[in-house]
Amino acid sequence: NTALMYTGRLRATSLVPGMFLGFASYFATFFGGFGYHAGSVWAAW
């Protein structure tokens, strides 16, 4: 999370709330069993 926050200092990824929306969306997808291959970390991403 510290690395993610520092990544927000880069111009291309300066929208830190957007990164957190993606962050939370990934956890909900993976732990919710969504994706074309449930349980796969890569399919969830």
All heavy atoms as atom14 arrays in JSON, in Angstrom:
{
  "sequence": "NTALMYTGRLRATSLVPGMFLGFASYFATFFGGFGYHAGSVWAAW",
  "atom14_mask": [
    [1, 1, 1, 1, 1, 1, 1, 1, 0, 0, 0, 0, 0, 0],
    [1, 1, 1, 1, 1, 1, 1, 0, 0, 0, 0, 0, 0, 0],
    [1, 1, 1, 1, 1, 0, 0, 0, 0, 0, 0, 0, 0, 0],
    [1, 1, 1, 1, 1, 1, 1, 1, 0, 0, 0, 0, 0, 0],
    [1, 1, 1, 1, 1, 1, 1, 1, 0, 0, 0, 0, 0, 0],
    [1, 1, 1, 1, 1, 1, 1, 1, 1, 1, 1, 1, 0, 0],
    [1, 1, 1, 1, 1, 1, 1, 0, 0, 0, 0, 0, 0, 0],
    [1, 1, 1, 1, 0, 0, 0, 0, 0, 0, 0, 0, 0, 0],
    [1, 1, 1, 1, 1, 1, 1, 1, 1, 1, 1, 0, 0, 0],
    [1, 1, 1, 1, 1, 1, 1, 1, 0, 0, 0, 0, 0, 0],
    [1, 1, 1, 1, 1, 1, 1, 1, 1, 1, 1, 0, 0, 0],
    [1, 1, 1, 1, 1, 0, 0, 0, 0, 0, 0, 0, 0, 0],
    [1, 1, 1, 1, 1, 1, 1, 0, 0, 0, 0, 0, 0, 0],
    [1, 1, 1, 1, 1, 1, 0, 0, 0, 0, 0, 0, 0, 0],
    [1, 1, 1, 1, 1, 1, 1, 1, 0, 0, 0, 0, 0, 0],
    [1, 1, 1, 1, 1, 1, 1, 0, 0, 0, 0, 0, 0, 0],
    [1, 1, 1, 1, 1, 1, 1, 0, 0, 0, 0, 0, 0, 0],
    [1, 1, 1, 1, 0, 0, 0, 0, 0, 0, 0, 0, 0, 0],
    [1, 1, 1, 1, 1, 1, 1, 1, 0, 0, 0, 0, 0, 0],
    [1, 1, 1, 1, 1, 1, 1, 1, 1, 1, 1, 0, 0, 0],
    [1, 1, 1, 1, 1, 1, 1, 1, 0, 0, 0, 0, 0, 0],
    [1, 1, 1, 1, 0, 0, 0, 0, 0, 0, 0, 0, 0, 0],
    [1, 1, 1, 1, 1, 1, 1, 1, 1, 1, 1, 0, 0, 0],
    [1, 1, 1, 1, 1, 0, 0, 0, 0, 0, 0, 0, 0, 0],
    [1, 1, 1, 1, 1, 1, 0, 0, 0, 0, 0, 0, 0, 0],
    [1, 1, 1, 1, 1, 1, 1, 1, 1, 1, 1, 1, 0, 0],
    [1, 1, 1, 1, 1, 1, 1, 1, 1, 1, 1, 0, 0, 0],
    [1, 1, 1, 1, 1, 0, 0, 0, 0, 0, 0, 0, 0, 0],
    [1, 1, 1, 1, 1, 1, 1, 0, 0, 0, 0, 0, 0, 0],
    [1, 1, 1, 1, 1, 1, 1, 1, 1, 1, 1, 0, 0, 0],
    [1, 1, 1, 1, 1, 1, 1, 1, 1, 1, 1, 0, 0, 0],
    [1, 1, 1, 1, 0, 0, 0, 0, 0, 0, 0, 0, 0, 0],
    [1, 1, 1, 1, 0, 0, 0, 0, 0, 0, 0, 0, 0, 0],
    [1, 1, 1, 1, 1, 1, 1, 1, 1, 1, 1, 0, 0, 0],
    [1, 1, 1, 1, 0, 0, 0, 0, 0, 0, 0, 0, 0, 0],
    [1, 1, 1, 1, 1, 1, 1, 1, 1, 1, 1, 1, 0, 0],
    [1, 1, 1, 1, 1, 1, 1, 1, 1, 1, 0, 0, 0, 0],
    [1, 1, 1, 1, 1, 0, 0, 0, 0, 0, 0, 0, 0, 0],
    [1, 1, 1, 1, 0, 0, 0, 0, 0, 0, 0, 0, 0, 0],
    [1, 1, 1, 1, 1, 1, 0, 0, 0, 0, 0, 0, 0, 0],
    [1, 1, 1, 1, 1, 1, 1, 0, 0, 0, 0, 0, 0, 0],
    [1, 1, 1, 1, 1, 1, 1, 1, 1, 1, 1, 1, 1, 1],
    [1, 1, 1, 1, 1, 0, 0, 0, 0, 0, 0, 0, 0, 0],
    [1, 1, 1, 1, 1, 0, 0, 0, 0, 0, 0, 0, 0, 0],
    [1, 1, 1, 1, 1, 1, 1, 1, 1, 1, 1, 1, 1, 1]
  ],
  "atom14_positions": [
    [[0.83, -1.2, 0.0], [0.0, 0.0, 0.0], [0.87, 1.26, 0.0], [0.55, 2.25, -0.66], [-0.95, 0.01, 1.2], [-2.0, 1.08, 1.07], [-2.9, 0.96, 0.25], [-1.87, 2.13, 1.84], [0.0, 0.0, 0.0], [0.0, 0.0, 0.0], [0.0, 0.0, 0.0], [0.0, 0.0, 0.0], [0.0, 0.0, 0.0], [0.0, 0.0, 0.0]],
    [[1.98, 1.21, 0.72], [2.92, 2.33, 0.71], [3.45, 2.55, -0.71], [3.52, 3.68, -1.2], [4.08, 2.09, 1.69], [3.53, 1.91, 3.0], [5.06, 3.24, 1.7], [0.0, 0.0, 0.0], [0.0, 0.0, 0.0], [0.0, 0.0, 0.0], [0.0, 0.0, 0.0], [0.0, 0.0, 0.0], [0.0, 0.0, 0.0], [0.0, 0.0, 0.0]],
    [[3.79, 1.47, -1.39], [4.27, 1.57, -2.77], [3.18, 2.13, -3.68], [3.46, 2.97, -4.54], [4.73, 0.2, -3.27], [0.0, 0.0, 0.0], [0.0, 0.0, 0.0], [0.0, 0.0, 0.0], [0.0, 0.0, 0.0], [0.0, 0.0, 0.0], [0.0, 0.0, 0.0], [0.0, 0.0, 0.0], [0.0, 0.0, 0.0], [0.0, 0.0, 0.0]],
    [[1.94, 1.7, -3.48], [0.82, 2.23, -4.26], [0.7, 3.73, -4.06], [0.54, 4.49, -5.02], [-0.48, 1.54, -3.87], [-1.74, 2.02, -4.6], [-2.66, 0.84, -4.87], [-2.49, 3.06, -3.81], [0.0, 0.0, 0.0], [0.0, 0.0, 0.0], [0.0, 0.0, 0.0], [0.0, 0.0, 0.0], [0.0, 0.0, 0.0], [0.0, 0.0, 0.0]],
    [[0.8, 4.17, -2.81], [0.66, 5.61, -2.51], [1.79, 6.41, -3.18], [1.55, 7.48, -3.71], [0.66, 5.84, -1.01], [-0.51, 5.18, -0.29], [-2.1, 5.88, -0.75], [-1.98, 7.45, 0.06], [0.0, 0.0, 0.0], [0.0, 0.0, 0.0], [0.0, 0.0, 0.0], [0.0, 0.0, 0.0], [0.0, 0.0, 0.0], [0.0, 0.0, 0.0]],
    [[3.01, 5.87, -3.15], [4.12, 6.55, -3.82], [3.93, 6.55, -5.34], [4.34, 7.5, -6.01], [5.47, 5.95, -3.44], [6.03, 6.55, -2.18], [6.05, 5.83, -0.99], [6.55, 7.84, -2.18], [6.56, 6.39, 0.18], [7.07, 8.41, -1.03], [7.07, 7.68, 0.15], [7.56, 8.25, 1.29], [0.0, 0.0, 0.0], [0.0, 0.0, 0.0]],
    [[3.31, 5.54, -5.87], [3.03, 5.48, -7.31], [2.11, 6.63, -7.71], [2.17, 7.11, -8.83], [2.4, 4.12, -7.68], [3.31, 3.09, -7.3], [2.11, 4.01, -9.16], [0.0, 0.0, 0.0], [0.0, 0.0, 0.0], [0.0, 0.0, 0.0], [0.0, 0.0, 0.0], [0.0, 0.0, 0.0], [0.0, 0.0, 0.0], [0.0, 0.0, 0.0]],
    [[1.29, 7.08, -6.77], [0.41, 8.22, -7.02], [1.15, 9.52, -7.28], [0.57, 10.49, -7.74], [0.0, 0.0, 0.0], [0.0, 0.0, 0.0], [0.0, 0.0, 0.0], [0.0, 0.0, 0.0], [0.0, 0.0, 0.0], [0.0, 0.0, 0.0], [0.0, 0.0, 0.0], [0.0, 0.0, 0.0], [0.0, 0.0, 0.0], [0.0, 0.0, 0.0]],
    [[2.45, 9.54, -7.01], [3.24, 10.75, -7.29], [3.64, 10.85, -8.77], [4.11, 11.88, -9.2], [4.5, 10.76, -6.42], [4.15, 10.96, -4.96], [5.39, 11.06, -4.12], [5.02, 11.23, -2.72], [5.77, 11.87, -1.86], [6.92, 12.38, -2.23], [5.39, 11.98, -0.61], [0.0, 0.0, 0.0], [0.0, 0.0, 0.0], [0.0, 0.0, 0.0]],
    [[3.46, 9.76, -9.49], [3.75, 9.78, -10.93], [2.57, 10.41, -11.66], [1.41, 10.2, -11.29], [3.99, 8.36, -11.45], [5.12, 7.58, -10.79], [5.1, 6.14, -11.28], [6.45, 8.25, -11.07], [0.0, 0.0, 0.0], [0.0, 0.0, 0.0], [0.0, 0.0, 0.0], [0.0, 0.0, 0.0], [0.0, 0.0, 0.0], [0.0, 0.0, 0.0]],
    [[2.85, 11.17, -12.68], [1.79, 11.86, -13.41], [0.75, 10.88, -13.96], [-0.45, 11.12, -13.85], [2.39, 12.67, -14.55], [1.35, 13.37, -15.4], [2.0, 14.21, -16.44], [2.39, 15.44, -15.79], [2.09, 16.64, -16.24], [1.45, 16.75, -17.37], [2.46, 17.71, -15.59], [0.0, 0.0, 0.0], [0.0, 0.0, 0.0], [0.0, 0.0, 0.0]],
    [[1.18, 9.79, -14.56], [0.25, 8.86, -15.2], [-0.69, 8.19, -14.21], [-1.8, 7.8, -14.57], [1.03, 7.8, -15.97], [0.0, 0.0, 0.0], [0.0, 0.0, 0.0], [0.0, 0.0, 0.0], [0.0, 0.0, 0.0], [0.0, 0.0, 0.0], [0.0, 0.0, 0.0], [0.0, 0.0, 0.0], [0.0, 0.0, 0.0], [0.0, 0.0, 0.0]],
    [[-0.26, 8.06, -12.97], [-1.08, 7.38, -11.97], [-1.39, 8.29, -10.78], [-1.54, 7.83, -9.66], [-0.38, 6.1, -11.48], [0.94, 6.44, -11.05], [-0.31, 5.06, -12.57], [0.0, 0.0, 0.0], [0.0, 0.0, 0.0], [0.0, 0.0, 0.0], [0.0, 0.0, 0.0], [0.0, 0.0, 0.0], [0.0, 0.0, 0.0], [0.0, 0.0, 0.0]],
    [[-1.52, 9.56, -11.04], [-1.72, 10.52, -9.96], [-3.14, 10.5, -9.38], [-3.39, 11.12, -8.36], [-1.39, 11.94, -10.44], [-2.28, 12.3, -11.49], [0.0, 0.0, 0.0], [0.0, 0.0, 0.0], [0.0, 0.0, 0.0], [0.0, 0.0, 0.0], [0.0, 0.0, 0.0], [0.0, 0.0, 0.0], [0.0, 0.0, 0.0], [0.0, 0.0, 0.0]],
    [[-4.04, 9.78, -9.99], [-5.41, 9.69, -9.48], [-5.47, 8.57, -8.44], [-5.93, 7.46, -8.71], [-6.39, 9.45, -10.62], [-7.87, 9.48, -10.24], [-8.28, 10.85, -9.72], [-8.71, 9.09, -11.43], [0.0, 0.0, 0.0], [0.0, 0.0, 0.0], [0.0, 0.0, 0.0], [0.0, 0.0, 0.0], [0.0, 0.0, 0.0], [0.0, 0.0, 0.0]],
    [[-4.99, 8.86, -7.23], [-4.9, 7.86, -6.17], [-6.27, 7.27, -5.84], [-6.39, 6.04, -5.67], [-4.19, 8.43, -4.93], [-4.22, 7.45, -3.77], [-2.74, 8.8, -5.28], [0.0, 0.0, 0.0], [0.0, 0.0, 0.0], [0.0, 0.0, 0.0], [0.0, 0.0, 0.0], [0.0, 0.0, 0.0], [0.0, 0.0, 0.0], [0.0, 0.0, 0.0]],
    [[-7.36, 8.06, -5.73], [-8.66, 7.43, -5.48], [-9.03, 6.41, -6.57], [-9.63, 5.38, -6.28], [-9.64, 8.6, -5.46], [-8.81, 9.77, -5.04], [-7.47, 9.53, -5.69], [0.0, 0.0, 0.0], [0.0, 0.0, 0.0], [0.0, 0.0, 0.0], [0.0, 0.0, 0.0], [0.0, 0.0, 0.0], [0.0, 0.0, 0.0], [0.0, 0.0, 0.0]],
    [[-8.66, 6.69, -7.81], [-8.9, 5.73, -8.89], [-8.14, 4.43, -8.67], [-8.65, 3.35, -8.93], [0.0, 0.0, 0.0], [0.0, 0.0, 0.0], [0.0, 0.0, 0.0], [0.0, 0.0, 0.0], [0.0, 0.0, 0.0], [0.0, 0.0, 0.0], [0.0, 0.0, 0.0], [0.0, 0.0, 0.0], [0.0, 0.0, 0.0], [0.0, 0.0, 0.0]],
    [[-6.89, 4.55, -8.18], [-6.13, 3.33, -7.88], [-6.83, 2.54, -6.79], [-6.89, 1.31, -6.84], [-4.69, 3.67, -7.5], [-3.84, 4.07, -8.69], [-2.07, 4.06, -8.36], [-1.89, 5.42, -7.23], [0.0, 0.0, 0.0], [0.0, 0.0, 0.0], [0.0, 0.0, 0.0], [0.0, 0.0, 0.0], [0.0, 0.0, 0.0], [0.0, 0.0, 0.0]],
    [[-7.36, 3.23, -5.78], [-8.06, 2.51, -4.72], [-9.37, 1.9, -5.18], [-9.76, 0.84, -4.68], [-8.25, 3.4, -3.48], [-7.05, 3.4, -2.6], [-6.14, 4.45, -2.62], [-6.78, 2.31, -1.77], [-5.01, 4.43, -1.82], [-5.65, 2.29, -0.97], [-4.77, 3.34, -1.0], [0.0, 0.0, 0.0], [0.0, 0.0, 0.0], [0.0, 0.0, 0.0]],
    [[-10.03, 2.51, -6.15], [-11.22, 1.88, -6.72], [-10.83, 0.58, -7.42], [-11.54, -0.43, -7.3], [-11.92, 2.83, -7.69], [-12.59, 4.06, -7.07], [-13.12, 4.98, -8.16], [-13.69, 3.66, -6.12], [0.0, 0.0, 0.0], [0.0, 0.0, 0.0], [0.0, 0.0, 0.0], [0.0, 0.0, 0.0], [0.0, 0.0, 0.0], [0.0, 0.0, 0.0]],
    [[-9.73, 0.59, -8.15], [-9.25, -0.63, -8.79], [-8.79, -1.66, -7.78], [-9.02, -2.86, -7.93], [0.0, 0.0, 0.0], [0.0, 0.0, 0.0], [0.0, 0.0, 0.0], [0.0, 0.0, 0.0], [0.0, 0.0, 0.0], [0.0, 0.0, 0.0], [0.0, 0.0, 0.0], [0.0, 0.0, 0.0], [0.0, 0.0, 0.0], [0.0, 0.0, 0.0]],
    [[-8.12, -1.21, -6.73], [-7.63, -2.04, -5.63], [-8.79, -2.8, -4.99], [-8.78, -4.03, -4.9], [-6.98, -1.08, -4.62], [-6.18, -1.65, -3.51], [-4.88, -2.09, -3.72], [-6.67, -1.68, -2.21], [-4.1, -2.56, -2.66], [-5.9, -2.15, -1.16], [-4.61, -2.59, -1.39], [0.0, 0.0, 0.0], [0.0, 0.0, 0.0], [0.0, 0.0, 0.0]],
    [[-9.83, -2.06, -4.6], [-11.0, -2.68, -3.97], [-11.76, -3.57, -4.95], [-12.25, -4.65, -4.57], [-11.92, -1.6, -3.42], [0.0, 0.0, 0.0], [0.0, 0.0, 0.0], [0.0, 0.0, 0.0], [0.0, 0.0, 0.0], [0.0, 0.0, 0.0], [0.0, 0.0, 0.0], [0.0, 0.0, 0.0], [0.0, 0.0, 0.0], [0.0, 0.0, 0.0]],
    [[-11.84, -3.14, -6.2], [-12.54, -3.95, -7.22], [-11.86, -5.3, -7.41], [-12.53, -6.32, -7.6], [-12.6, -3.2, -8.55], [-13.4, -2.06, -8.47], [0.0, 0.0, 0.0], [0.0, 0.0, 0.0], [0.0, 0.0, 0.0], [0.0, 0.0, 0.0], [0.0, 0.0, 0.0], [0.0, 0.0, 0.0], [0.0, 0.0, 0.0], [0.0, 0.0, 0.0]],
    [[-10.53, -5.3, -7.38], [-9.82, -6.58, -7.55], [-10.13, -7.53, -6.39], [-10.45, -8.7, -6.62], [-8.3, -6.38, -7.65], [-7.62, -7.73, -7.74], [-7.55, -8.39, -8.96], [-7.15, -8.38, -6.61], [-7.0, -9.66, -9.05], [-6.59, -9.64, -6.69], [-6.52, -10.28, -7.91], [-5.99, -11.54, -7.99], [0.0, 0.0, 0.0], [0.0, 0.0, 0.0]],
    [[-10.01, -7.03, -5.16], [-10.28, -7.9, -4.01], [-11.7, -8.46, -4.07], [-11.92, -9.64, -3.8], [-10.07, -7.16, -2.68], [-8.62, -6.91, -2.36], [-8.19, -5.65, -1.99], [-7.7, -7.94, -2.4], [-6.86, -5.41, -1.68], [-6.36, -7.72, -2.1], [-5.94, -6.45, -1.73], [0.0, 0.0, 0.0], [0.0, 0.0, 0.0], [0.0, 0.0, 0.0]],
    [[-12.67, -7.62, -4.41], [-14.06, -8.08, -4.49], [-14.23, -9.12, -5.6], [-14.99, -10.07, -5.46], [-14.99, -6.9, -4.72], [0.0, 0.0, 0.0], [0.0, 0.0, 0.0], [0.0, 0.0, 0.0], [0.0, 0.0, 0.0], [0.0, 0.0, 0.0], [0.0, 0.0, 0.0], [0.0, 0.0, 0.0], [0.0, 0.0, 0.0], [0.0, 0.0, 0.0]],
    [[-13.52, -8.94, -6.7], [-13.61, -9.9, -7.8], [-12.98, -11.23, -7.42], [-13.59, -12.3, -7.59], [-12.93, -9.33, -9.07], [-13.58, -8.11, -9.42], [-13.02, -10.31, -10.23], [0.0, 0.0, 0.0], [0.0, 0.0, 0.0], [0.0, 0.0, 0.0], [0.0, 0.0, 0.0], [0.0, 0.0, 0.0], [0.0, 0.0, 0.0], [0.0, 0.0, 0.0]],
    [[-11.76, -11.17, -6.89], [-11.06, -12.4, -6.56], [-11.75, -13.15, -5.41], [-12.08, -14.33, -5.55], [-9.6, -12.12, -6.2], [-8.85, -13.36, -5.8], [-8.52, -14.31, -6.75], [-8.5, -13.58, -4.48], [-7.84, -15.48, -6.39], [-7.83, -14.74, -4.1], [-7.49, -15.69, -5.06], [0.0, 0.0, 0.0], [0.0, 0.0, 0.0], [0.0, 0.0, 0.0]],
    [[-11.97, -12.47, -4.3], [-12.54, -13.15, -3.14], [-14.03, -13.44, -3.31], [-14.58, -14.3, -2.62], [-12.27, -12.35, -1.87], [-10.81, -12.37, -1.49], [-10.06, -11.2, -1.55], [-10.18, -13.54, -1.11], [-8.7, -11.21, -1.24], [-8.83, -13.57, -0.79], [-8.09, -12.4, -0.86], [0.0, 0.0, 0.0], [0.0, 0.0, 0.0], [0.0, 0.0, 0.0]],
    [[-14.68, -12.76, -4.26], [-16.08, -13.05, -4.57], [-16.26, -14.2, -5.54], [-17.38, -14.62, -5.82], [0.0, 0.0, 0.0], [0.0, 0.0, 0.0], [0.0, 0.0, 0.0], [0.0, 0.0, 0.0], [0.0, 0.0, 0.0], [0.0, 0.0, 0.0], [0.0, 0.0, 0.0], [0.0, 0.0, 0.0], [0.0, 0.0, 0.0], [0.0, 0.0, 0.0]],
    [[-15.14, -14.71, -6.06], [-15.21, -15.85, -6.98], [-15.64, -15.48, -8.39], [-16.11, -16.33, -9.14], [0.0, 0.0, 0.0], [0.0, 0.0, 0.0], [0.0, 0.0, 0.0], [0.0, 0.0, 0.0], [0.0, 0.0, 0.0], [0.0, 0.0, 0.0], [0.0, 0.0, 0.0], [0.0, 0.0, 0.0], [0.0, 0.0, 0.0], [0.0, 0.0, 0.0]],
    [[-15.48, -14.21, -8.77], [-15.84, -13.78, -10.12], [-14.67, -14.02, -11.07], [-13.54, -14.2, -10.64], [-16.2, -12.29, -10.13], [-17.51, -11.99, -9.47], [-17.55, -11.67, -8.13], [-18.69, -12.02, -10.19], [-18.75, -11.38, -7.51], [-19.89, -11.73, -9.58], [-19.93, -11.4, -8.23], [0.0, 0.0, 0.0], [0.0, 0.0, 0.0], [0.0, 0.0, 0.0]],
    [[-14.97, -13.96, -12.35], [-13.94, -14.09, -13.37], [-14.15, -15.34, -14.19], [-14.88, -16.25, -13.8], [0.0, 0.0, 0.0], [0.0, 0.0, 0.0], [0.0, 0.0, 0.0], [0.0, 0.0, 0.0], [0.0, 0.0, 0.0], [0.0, 0.0, 0.0], [0.0, 0.0, 0.0], [0.0, 0.0, 0.0], [0.0, 0.0, 0.0], [0.0, 0.0, 0.0]],
    [[-13.51, -15.37, -15.32], [-13.71, -16.49, -16.24], [-13.12, -17.8, -15.7], [-13.4, -18.87, -16.23], [-13.16, -16.17, -17.63], [-11.69, -15.82, -17.68], [-10.74, -16.81, -17.79], [-11.28, -14.5, -17.64], [-9.39, -16.5, -17.84], [-9.94, -14.17, -17.69], [-8.99, -15.17, -17.79], [-7.67, -14.86, -17.83], [0.0, 0.0, 0.0], [0.0, 0.0, 0.0]],
    [[-12.33, -17.74, -14.64], [-11.82, -18.94, -13.97], [-11.76, -18.62, -12.47], [-10.76, -18.09, -11.99], [-10.44, -19.32, -14.52], [-9.87, -20.57, -13.94], [-10.54, -21.76, -13.95], [-8.69, -20.8, -13.33], [-9.79, -22.68, -13.36], [-8.66, -22.12, -12.97], [0.0, 0.0, 0.0], [0.0, 0.0, 0.0], [0.0, 0.0, 0.0], [0.0, 0.0, 0.0]],
    [[-12.84, -18.9, -11.78], [-12.94, -18.55, -10.36], [-11.75, -19.12, -9.59], [-11.34, -20.26, -9.8], [-14.23, -19.08, -9.78], [0.0, 0.0, 0.0], [0.0, 0.0, 0.0], [0.0, 0.0, 0.0], [0.0, 0.0, 0.0], [0.0, 0.0, 0.0], [0.0, 0.0, 0.0], [0.0, 0.0, 0.0], [0.0, 0.0, 0.0], [0.0, 0.0, 0.0]],
    [[-11.19, -18.29, -8.72], [-10.05, -18.72, -7.91], [-8.7, -18.41, -8.54], [-7.68, -18.52, -7.86], [0.0, 0.0, 0.0], [0.0, 0.0, 0.0], [0.0, 0.0, 0.0], [0.0, 0.0, 0.0], [0.0, 0.0, 0.0], [0.0, 0.0, 0.0], [0.0, 0.0, 0.0], [0.0, 0.0, 0.0], [0.0, 0.0, 0.0], [0.0, 0.0, 0.0]],
    [[-8.68, -18.02, -9.79], [-7.43, -17.67, -10.47], [-7.13, -16.2, -10.23], [-7.95, -15.33, -10.58], [-7.52, -17.95, -11.97], [-6.45, -17.32, -12.66], [0.0, 0.0, 0.0], [0.0, 0.0, 0.0], [0.0, 0.0, 0.0], [0.0, 0.0, 0.0], [0.0, 0.0, 0.0], [0.0, 0.0, 0.0], [0.0, 0.0, 0.0], [0.0, 0.0, 0.0]],
    [[-5.97, -15.9, -9.68], [-5.61, -14.5, -9.42], [-5.5, -13.71, -10.72], [-5.86, -12.53, -10.77], [-4.3, -14.39, -8.6], [-4.49, -14.94, -7.2], [-3.15, -15.06, -9.3], [0.0, 0.0, 0.0], [0.0, 0.0, 0.0], [0.0, 0.0, 0.0], [0.0, 0.0, 0.0], [0.0, 0.0, 0.0], [0.0, 0.0, 0.0], [0.0, 0.0, 0.0]],
    [[-5.02, -14.36, -11.77], [-4.83, -13.68, -13.05], [-6.16, -13.47, -13.77], [-6.39, -12.41, -14.36], [-3.85, -14.45, -13.93], [-2.51, -14.53, -13.28], [-1.96, -15.62, -12.65], [-1.57, -13.46, -13.12], [-0.74, -15.29, -12.12], [-0.46, -13.97, -12.4], [-1.56, -12.13, -13.51], [0.63, -13.19, -12.08], [-0.45, -11.35, -13.19], [0.63, -11.88, -12.48]],
    [[-7.04, -14.46, -13.74], [-8.36, -14.32, -14.36], [-9.16, -13.22, -13.66], [-9.87, -12.44, -14.32], [-9.12, -15.63, -14.31], [0.0, 0.0, 0.0], [0.0, 0.0, 0.0], [0.0, 0.0, 0.0], [0.0, 0.0, 0.0], [0.0, 0.0, 0.0], [0.0, 0.0, 0.0], [0.0, 0.0, 0.0], [0.0, 0.0, 0.0], [0.0, 0.0, 0.0]],
    [[-9.01, -13.12, -12.35], [-9.7, -12.05, -11.61], [-9.18, -10.69, -12.07], [-9.96, -9.76, -12.27], [-9.5, -12.24, -10.11], [0.0, 0.0, 0.0], [0.0, 0.0, 0.0], [0.0, 0.0, 0.0], [0.0, 0.0, 0.0], [0.0, 0.0, 0.0], [0.0, 0.0, 0.0], [0.0, 0.0, 0.0], [0.0, 0.0, 0.0], [0.0, 0.0, 0.0]],
    [[-7.86, -10.58, -12.26], [-7.29, -9.3, -12.67], [-7.78, -8.9, -14.06], [-8.23, -7.78, -14.28], [-5.76, -9.34, -12.63], [-5.16, -7.99, -12.86], [-4.99, -7.0, -11.94], [-4.69, -7.46, -14.1], [-4.44, -5.88, -12.53], [-4.25, -6.14, -13.86], [-4.61, -7.96, -15.39], [-3.72, -5.33, -14.86], [-4.09, -7.14, -16.39], [-3.65, -5.85, -16.11]]
  ]
}
